[in-house]
Amino acid sequence: MSSSLVFFDESASSFVESGSEIDIIQEFLIIDLFTDTFIVENLVKAEFVFLGKNALNRDVNLQVDFLDDLDVLVHRFSIEQEAAVEGSEVFTEYIETFEGDTLLALKSTIKIVFTLRLIAEDPIPDDITGRVELQSSSNFYFKIAAAE
């Protein structure tokens, strides 16, 4: 089973508001997939696939946090995207695989927080150009018993 997760398409201007730098954009996703007993008992592996494109002249970091029903962090990973050289685009692909203990953490997740962070040594100018795009999907692998 496959599913889309999150999609970011942020222009450079998203990181500047009234001359002030905004270096973090955050979204979250509430998931109730793991309230289904069949899914919890039969899910044997999951993969989250992230495809990114950075056309900004700044490094970008995506942090993905998995929280349980008490908002306790149960899993985290980060993806780094290098800065683009003027007029170019940097492409990134990352796959996070959940098996064993990480799969147990995933099964206890009810909220996923996506934090897109612009890494900048210097202040961001008002006229910065480019954009950051990110798309993600998930693949779920289930144990299916043959009918007798």
N, C-alpha and C. Protein backbone atom coordinates (compact mmCIF):
# COMPACT_ATOMS: atom_id res chain seq x y z
N MET A 1 0.85 -1.17 0.00
CA MET A 1 0.00 0.00 0.00
C MET A 1 0.90 1.23 0.00
N SER A 2 0.58 2.22 -0.83
CA SER A 2 1.33 3.47 -0.90
C SER A 2 0.41 4.64 -0.63
N SER A 3 1.00 5.71 -0.11
CA SER A 3 0.22 6.90 0.21
C SER A 3 1.11 8.13 0.12
N SER A 4 0.52 9.25 -0.25
CA SER A 4 1.24 10.52 -0.24
C SER A 4 1.30 11.02 1.19
N LEU A 5 2.40 11.68 1.57
CA LEU A 5 2.55 12.19 2.93
C LEU A 5 2.38 13.70 3.00
N VAL A 6 3.38 14.41 2.49
CA VAL A 6 3.37 15.87 2.60
C VAL A 6 4.03 16.45 1.36
N PHE A 7 3.64 17.67 1.03
CA PHE A 7 4.18 18.36 -0.14
C PHE A 7 4.49 19.80 0.26
N PHE A 8 5.72 20.22 0.06
CA PHE A 8 6.12 21.61 0.28
C PHE A 8 6.51 22.21 -1.07
N ASP A 9 6.09 23.41 -1.33
CA ASP A 9 6.55 24.18 -2.48
C ASP A 9 6.63 25.62 -1.99
N GLU A 10 7.77 25.97 -1.44
CA GLU A 10 7.95 27.27 -0.80
C GLU A 10 8.89 28.14 -1.62
N SER A 11 8.41 29.31 -2.01
CA SER A 11 9.27 30.25 -2.72
C SER A 11 10.20 30.92 -1.71
N ALA A 12 11.25 31.52 -2.20
CA ALA A 12 12.21 32.20 -1.33
C ALA A 12 11.53 33.26 -0.49
N SER A 13 10.51 33.91 -1.05
CA SER A 13 9.81 34.97 -0.32
C SER A 13 9.07 34.44 0.91
N SER A 14 8.83 33.12 0.98
CA SER A 14 8.19 32.53 2.15
C SER A 14 9.05 32.66 3.40
N PHE A 15 10.35 32.88 3.20
CA PHE A 15 11.28 32.96 4.32
C PHE A 15 11.58 34.39 4.75
N VAL A 16 10.89 35.37 4.12
CA VAL A 16 11.06 36.78 4.49
C VAL A 16 9.67 37.39 4.61
N GLU A 17 9.41 38.04 5.74
CA GLU A 17 8.13 38.71 5.96
C GLU A 17 8.38 40.08 6.56
N SER A 18 7.97 41.12 5.83
CA SER A 18 8.16 42.51 6.27
C SER A 18 9.61 42.80 6.63
N GLY A 19 10.52 42.25 5.84
CA GLY A 19 11.93 42.49 6.06
C GLY A 19 12.56 41.63 7.14
N SER A 20 11.77 40.81 7.80
CA SER A 20 12.29 39.93 8.86
C SER A 20 12.42 38.50 8.34
N GLU A 21 13.48 37.85 8.78
CA GLU A 21 13.75 36.49 8.37
C GLU A 21 12.85 35.49 9.10
N ILE A 22 12.28 34.57 8.33
CA ILE A 22 11.54 33.43 8.89
C ILE A 22 12.32 32.21 8.44
N ASP A 23 13.03 31.59 9.35
CA ASP A 23 13.89 30.49 8.92
C ASP A 23 13.27 29.11 9.13
N ILE A 24 12.04 29.06 9.66
CA ILE A 24 11.38 27.77 9.89
C ILE A 24 9.95 27.81 9.36
N ILE A 25 9.61 26.77 8.60
CA ILE A 25 8.23 26.55 8.18
C ILE A 25 7.86 25.17 8.68
N GLN A 26 6.72 25.07 9.35
CA GLN A 26 6.35 23.81 9.98
C GLN A 26 4.93 23.40 9.60
N GLU A 27 4.76 22.12 9.36
CA GLU A 27 3.46 21.51 9.09
C GLU A 27 3.37 20.24 9.92
N PHE A 28 2.16 19.83 10.22
CA PHE A 28 2.02 18.56 10.91
C PHE A 28 0.88 17.77 10.29
N LEU A 29 0.92 16.49 10.54
CA LEU A 29 -0.04 15.55 9.99
C LEU A 29 -0.51 14.64 11.12
N ILE A 30 -1.81 14.59 11.33
CA ILE A 30 -2.39 13.67 12.30
C ILE A 30 -2.73 12.38 11.55
N ILE A 31 -2.28 11.26 12.08
CA ILE A 31 -2.57 9.99 11.42
C ILE A 31 -3.31 9.06 12.38
N ASP A 32 -4.33 8.43 11.85
CA ASP A 32 -5.07 7.47 12.66
C ASP A 32 -4.96 6.06 12.08
N LEU A 33 -4.02 5.90 11.18
CA LEU A 33 -3.79 4.61 10.52
C LEU A 33 -3.51 3.50 11.53
N PHE A 34 -2.80 3.83 12.60
CA PHE A 34 -2.36 2.80 13.54
C PHE A 34 -3.35 2.55 14.66
N THR A 35 -4.58 3.02 14.49
CA THR A 35 -5.65 2.66 15.42
C THR A 35 -6.37 1.40 14.93
N ASP A 36 -6.06 1.00 13.70
CA ASP A 36 -6.65 -0.19 13.10
C ASP A 36 -5.83 -1.42 13.51
N THR A 37 -6.45 -2.35 14.20
CA THR A 37 -5.77 -3.54 14.71
C THR A 37 -5.15 -4.37 13.59
N PHE A 38 -5.86 -4.52 12.47
CA PHE A 38 -5.31 -5.29 11.34
C PHE A 38 -3.99 -4.69 10.88
N ILE A 39 -3.94 -3.39 10.75
CA ILE A 39 -2.72 -2.72 10.28
C ILE A 39 -1.60 -2.91 11.28
N VAL A 40 -1.86 -2.67 12.55
CA VAL A 40 -0.83 -2.80 13.58
C VAL A 40 -0.28 -4.22 13.64
N GLU A 41 -1.15 -5.21 13.55
CA GLU A 41 -0.72 -6.60 13.67
C GLU A 41 -0.02 -7.14 12.42
N ASN A 42 -0.33 -6.58 11.25
CA ASN A 42 0.18 -7.15 10.00
C ASN A 42 1.21 -6.31 9.27
N LEU A 43 1.44 -5.09 9.71
CA LEU A 43 2.46 -4.25 9.08
C LEU A 43 3.84 -4.77 9.47
N VAL A 44 4.66 -5.12 8.48
CA VAL A 44 5.98 -5.68 8.76
C VAL A 44 7.12 -4.75 8.37
N LYS A 45 6.81 -3.74 7.57
CA LYS A 45 7.85 -2.81 7.12
C LYS A 45 7.17 -1.59 6.53
N ALA A 46 7.82 -0.44 6.67
CA ALA A 46 7.33 0.78 6.03
C ALA A 46 8.52 1.58 5.53
N GLU A 47 8.31 2.31 4.46
CA GLU A 47 9.33 3.21 3.92
C GLU A 47 8.69 4.57 3.67
N PHE A 48 9.38 5.61 4.07
CA PHE A 48 8.97 6.98 3.74
C PHE A 48 9.99 7.49 2.74
N VAL A 49 9.52 7.90 1.58
CA VAL A 49 10.38 8.34 0.48
C VAL A 49 10.23 9.84 0.30
N PHE A 50 11.35 10.56 0.29
CA PHE A 50 11.35 12.01 0.16
C PHE A 50 12.17 12.41 -1.06
N LEU A 51 11.57 13.24 -1.90
CA LEU A 51 12.25 13.79 -3.07
C LEU A 51 12.24 15.30 -2.92
N GLY A 52 13.43 15.89 -2.94
CA GLY A 52 13.53 17.33 -2.73
C GLY A 52 14.25 18.02 -3.87
N LYS A 53 13.89 19.29 -4.05
CA LYS A 53 14.57 20.13 -5.04
C LYS A 53 14.81 21.48 -4.38
N ASN A 54 16.07 21.88 -4.32
CA ASN A 54 16.44 23.15 -3.71
C ASN A 54 17.02 24.07 -4.78
N ALA A 55 16.35 25.19 -5.02
CA ALA A 55 16.85 26.19 -5.97
C ALA A 55 17.21 27.48 -5.23
N LEU A 56 17.38 27.38 -3.90
CA LEU A 56 17.82 28.52 -3.10
C LEU A 56 19.33 28.45 -2.90
N ASN A 57 19.95 29.61 -2.71
CA ASN A 57 21.39 29.60 -2.45
C ASN A 57 21.66 29.45 -0.95
N ARG A 58 20.85 28.65 -0.28
CA ARG A 58 20.97 28.35 1.15
C ARG A 58 20.78 26.85 1.36
N ASP A 59 21.52 26.30 2.32
CA ASP A 59 21.27 24.92 2.71
C ASP A 59 19.90 24.85 3.38
N VAL A 60 19.24 23.72 3.22
CA VAL A 60 17.91 23.51 3.79
C VAL A 60 17.93 22.19 4.56
N ASN A 61 17.27 22.17 5.71
CA ASN A 61 17.16 20.97 6.52
C ASN A 61 15.68 20.66 6.73
N LEU A 62 15.31 19.41 6.53
CA LEU A 62 13.97 18.94 6.87
C LEU A 62 14.10 17.98 8.04
N GLN A 63 13.45 18.33 9.14
CA GLN A 63 13.42 17.45 10.31
C GLN A 63 12.02 16.85 10.40
N VAL A 64 11.96 15.54 10.59
CA VAL A 64 10.68 14.84 10.67
C VAL A 64 10.59 14.18 12.05
N ASP A 65 9.60 14.62 12.84
CA ASP A 65 9.40 14.11 14.19
C ASP A 65 8.12 13.29 14.27
N PHE A 66 8.20 12.15 14.93
CA PHE A 66 7.07 11.26 15.13
C PHE A 66 6.69 11.30 16.61
N LEU A 67 5.44 11.65 16.89
CA LEU A 67 4.98 11.81 18.26
C LEU A 67 3.85 10.83 18.57
N ASP A 68 3.84 10.35 19.81
CA ASP A 68 2.76 9.45 20.23
C ASP A 68 1.57 10.24 20.76
N ASP A 69 0.61 9.54 21.35
CA ASP A 69 -0.62 10.20 21.81
C ASP A 69 -0.41 11.15 22.99
N LEU A 70 0.77 11.10 23.63
CA LEU A 70 1.10 12.04 24.71
C LEU A 70 2.04 13.14 24.22
N ASP A 71 2.21 13.25 22.90
CA ASP A 71 3.14 14.20 22.28
C ASP A 71 4.60 13.93 22.66
N VAL A 72 4.91 12.68 22.95
CA VAL A 72 6.28 12.28 23.26
C VAL A 72 6.96 11.87 21.95
N LEU A 73 8.17 12.36 21.74
CA LEU A 73 8.94 12.02 20.55
C LEU A 73 9.32 10.54 20.59
N VAL A 74 8.95 9.79 19.54
CA VAL A 74 9.28 8.36 19.48
C VAL A 74 10.27 8.05 18.36
N HIS A 75 10.43 8.97 17.41
CA HIS A 75 11.38 8.77 16.32
C HIS A 75 11.63 10.11 15.64
N ARG A 76 12.85 10.28 15.13
CA ARG A 76 13.20 11.52 14.42
C ARG A 76 14.28 11.22 13.39
N PHE A 77 14.19 11.90 12.27
CA PHE A 77 15.29 11.90 11.31
C PHE A 77 15.32 13.25 10.60
N SER A 78 16.47 13.54 9.99
CA SER A 78 16.66 14.80 9.28
C SER A 78 17.22 14.54 7.90
N ILE A 79 16.87 15.42 6.99
CA ILE A 79 17.36 15.37 5.62
C ILE A 79 18.00 16.71 5.30
N GLU A 80 19.23 16.68 4.83
CA GLU A 80 19.94 17.91 4.47
C GLU A 80 19.89 18.09 2.95
N GLN A 81 19.60 19.31 2.52
CA GLN A 81 19.68 19.65 1.10
C GLN A 81 20.71 20.75 0.95
N GLU A 82 21.68 20.52 0.08
CA GLU A 82 22.72 21.51 -0.14
C GLU A 82 22.17 22.73 -0.87
N ALA A 83 22.85 23.85 -0.69
CA ALA A 83 22.48 25.09 -1.37
C ALA A 83 22.70 24.95 -2.87
N ALA A 84 21.86 25.61 -3.62
CA ALA A 84 22.00 25.64 -5.07
C ALA A 84 22.96 26.75 -5.46
N VAL A 85 23.72 26.52 -6.50
CA VAL A 85 24.55 27.57 -7.07
C VAL A 85 23.64 28.37 -7.99
N GLU A 86 23.84 29.66 -8.07
CA GLU A 86 22.94 30.54 -8.83
C GLU A 86 22.44 29.92 -10.12
N GLY A 87 21.12 29.86 -10.24
CA GLY A 87 20.48 29.36 -11.45
C GLY A 87 20.39 27.85 -11.55
N SER A 88 20.91 27.13 -10.57
CA SER A 88 20.86 25.67 -10.64
C SER A 88 19.86 25.12 -9.62
N GLU A 89 19.68 23.82 -9.64
CA GLU A 89 18.81 23.14 -8.69
C GLU A 89 19.55 21.94 -8.13
N VAL A 90 19.40 21.69 -6.85
CA VAL A 90 20.01 20.53 -6.21
C VAL A 90 18.90 19.54 -5.86
N PHE A 91 19.05 18.31 -6.32
CA PHE A 91 18.04 17.28 -6.09
C PHE A 91 18.51 16.33 -4.99
N THR A 92 17.58 15.92 -4.16
CA THR A 92 17.87 15.02 -3.04
C THR A 92 16.82 13.93 -2.99
N GLU A 93 17.27 12.70 -2.75
CA GLU A 93 16.34 11.60 -2.50
C GLU A 93 16.75 10.94 -1.20
N TYR A 94 15.78 10.65 -0.37
CA TYR A 94 16.06 10.03 0.93
C TYR A 94 14.95 9.03 1.24
N ILE A 95 15.33 7.87 1.75
CA ILE A 95 14.36 6.85 2.15
C ILE A 95 14.61 6.49 3.61
N GLU A 96 13.60 6.63 4.45
CA GLU A 96 13.66 6.20 5.85
C GLU A 96 12.89 4.89 5.94
N THR A 97 13.57 3.82 6.35
CA THR A 97 12.97 2.50 6.45
C THR A 97 12.64 2.19 7.91
N PHE A 98 11.45 1.67 8.12
CA PHE A 98 10.99 1.31 9.46
C PHE A 98 10.87 -0.20 9.55
N GLU A 99 11.70 -0.79 10.40
CA GLU A 99 11.67 -2.22 10.70
C GLU A 99 12.08 -2.38 12.16
N GLY A 100 11.71 -3.46 12.79
CA GLY A 100 12.12 -3.70 14.18
C GLY A 100 11.64 -2.60 15.12
N ASP A 101 12.58 -2.05 15.91
CA ASP A 101 12.23 -1.01 16.89
C ASP A 101 11.66 0.24 16.25
N THR A 102 12.18 0.63 15.08
CA THR A 102 11.65 1.84 14.44
C THR A 102 10.22 1.61 13.94
N LEU A 103 9.92 0.37 13.55
CA LEU A 103 8.54 0.06 13.15
C LEU A 103 7.60 0.13 14.35
N LEU A 104 8.06 -0.33 15.50
CA LEU A 104 7.25 -0.21 16.72
C LEU A 104 6.99 1.26 17.05
N ALA A 105 8.02 2.10 16.89
CA ALA A 105 7.85 3.54 17.13
C ALA A 105 6.83 4.12 16.16
N LEU A 106 6.93 3.73 14.89
CA LEU A 106 5.98 4.22 13.88
C LEU A 106 4.55 3.82 14.25
N LYS A 107 4.37 2.60 14.70
CA LYS A 107 3.03 2.11 15.05
C LYS A 107 2.42 2.85 16.23
N SER A 108 3.26 3.50 17.05
CA SER A 108 2.75 4.27 18.19
C SER A 108 2.54 5.75 17.84
N THR A 109 2.82 6.11 16.60
CA THR A 109 2.74 7.50 16.16
C THR A 109 1.30 7.92 15.86
N ILE A 110 0.95 9.12 16.33
CA ILE A 110 -0.33 9.71 15.92
C ILE A 110 -0.14 11.07 15.26
N LYS A 111 1.07 11.64 15.39
CA LYS A 111 1.33 12.94 14.77
C LYS A 111 2.74 12.95 14.19
N ILE A 112 2.84 13.46 12.97
CA ILE A 112 4.15 13.65 12.34
C ILE A 112 4.32 15.15 12.11
N VAL A 113 5.43 15.70 12.59
CA VAL A 113 5.72 17.12 12.45
C VAL A 113 6.87 17.27 11.46
N PHE A 114 6.64 18.09 10.43
CA PHE A 114 7.64 18.37 9.40
C PHE A 114 8.14 19.79 9.62
N THR A 115 9.44 19.94 9.87
CA THR A 115 10.02 21.26 10.09
C THR A 115 11.05 21.53 9.00
N LEU A 116 10.75 22.49 8.15
CA LEU A 116 11.64 22.90 7.07
C LEU A 116 12.42 24.11 7.57
N ARG A 117 13.74 23.98 7.63
CA ARG A 117 14.58 25.02 8.20
C ARG A 117 15.59 25.51 7.16
N LEU A 118 15.64 26.80 6.99
CA LEU A 118 16.61 27.43 6.11
C LEU A 118 17.87 27.69 6.92
N ILE A 119 19.00 27.15 6.47
CA ILE A 119 20.26 27.32 7.18
C ILE A 119 20.99 28.49 6.53
N ALA A 120 21.20 29.54 7.30
CA ALA A 120 21.82 30.74 6.73
C ALA A 120 22.84 31.32 7.71
N GLU A 121 24.01 31.62 7.18
CA GLU A 121 25.01 32.29 8.00
C GLU A 121 24.75 33.79 8.02
N ASP A 122 24.33 34.32 6.90
CA ASP A 122 24.07 35.75 6.76
C ASP A 122 22.57 35.99 6.76
N PRO A 123 22.13 37.20 7.09
CA PRO A 123 20.70 37.51 7.00
C PRO A 123 20.19 37.27 5.57
N ILE A 124 18.96 36.86 5.47
CA ILE A 124 18.35 36.60 4.17
C ILE A 124 17.95 37.93 3.56
N PRO A 125 18.41 38.22 2.35
CA PRO A 125 18.01 39.48 1.72
C PRO A 125 16.56 39.44 1.24
N ASP A 126 15.92 40.61 1.19
CA ASP A 126 14.53 40.69 0.73
C ASP A 126 14.37 40.19 -0.70
N ASP A 127 15.42 40.32 -1.50
CA ASP A 127 15.32 39.98 -2.92
C ASP A 127 15.81 38.56 -3.24
N ILE A 128 15.89 37.70 -2.23
CA ILE A 128 16.33 36.32 -2.47
C ILE A 128 15.36 35.65 -3.45
N THR A 129 15.91 34.84 -4.34
CA THR A 129 15.09 34.14 -5.34
C THR A 129 15.25 32.63 -5.18
N GLY A 130 14.42 31.90 -5.89
CA GLY A 130 14.47 30.45 -5.87
C GLY A 130 13.32 29.87 -5.07
N ARG A 131 13.35 28.56 -4.90
CA ARG A 131 12.29 27.89 -4.14
C ARG A 131 12.80 26.54 -3.64
N VAL A 132 12.08 26.01 -2.68
CA VAL A 132 12.35 24.69 -2.13
C VAL A 132 11.10 23.85 -2.36
N GLU A 133 11.28 22.69 -2.97
CA GLU A 133 10.16 21.79 -3.19
C GLU A 133 10.47 20.45 -2.52
N LEU A 134 9.46 19.86 -1.95
CA LEU A 134 9.61 18.56 -1.31
C LEU A 134 8.32 17.79 -1.49
N GLN A 135 8.45 16.56 -1.94
CA GLN A 135 7.29 15.68 -1.99
C GLN A 135 7.67 14.38 -1.31
N SER A 136 6.70 13.76 -0.71
CA SER A 136 7.00 12.52 0.00
C SER A 136 5.85 11.54 -0.14
N SER A 137 6.20 10.29 0.00
CA SER A 137 5.21 9.22 -0.05
C SER A 137 5.63 8.14 0.92
N SER A 138 4.71 7.25 1.20
CA SER A 138 5.01 6.13 2.09
C SER A 138 4.61 4.83 1.42
N ASN A 139 5.38 3.80 1.69
CA ASN A 139 5.09 2.46 1.22
C ASN A 139 4.95 1.56 2.44
N PHE A 140 3.86 0.84 2.51
CA PHE A 140 3.60 -0.06 3.64
C PHE A 140 3.59 -1.50 3.15
N TYR A 141 4.27 -2.37 3.89
CA TYR A 141 4.37 -3.78 3.54
C TYR A 141 3.67 -4.60 4.62
N PHE A 142 2.73 -5.44 4.18
CA PHE A 142 1.91 -6.21 5.12
C PHE A 142 2.15 -7.70 4.99
N LYS A 143 2.02 -8.39 6.11
CA LYS A 143 2.03 -9.85 6.16
C LYS A 143 0.61 -10.28 5.80
N ILE A 144 0.50 -11.04 4.73
CA ILE A 144 -0.81 -11.52 4.29
C ILE A 144 -0.78 -13.04 4.31
N ALA A 145 -1.65 -13.62 5.10
CA ALA A 145 -1.71 -15.08 5.20
C ALA A 145 -2.63 -15.61 4.10
N ALA A 146 -2.24 -16.74 3.54
CA ALA A 146 -3.06 -17.38 2.52
C ALA A 146 -4.30 -17.97 3.17
N ALA A 147 -5.42 -17.85 2.48
CA ALA A 147 -6.68 -18.41 2.99
C ALA A 147 -6.60 -19.93 2.92
N GLU A 148 -7.11 -20.56 3.94
CA GLU A 148 -7.07 -22.04 3.96
C GLU A 148 -8.42 -22.60 3.62
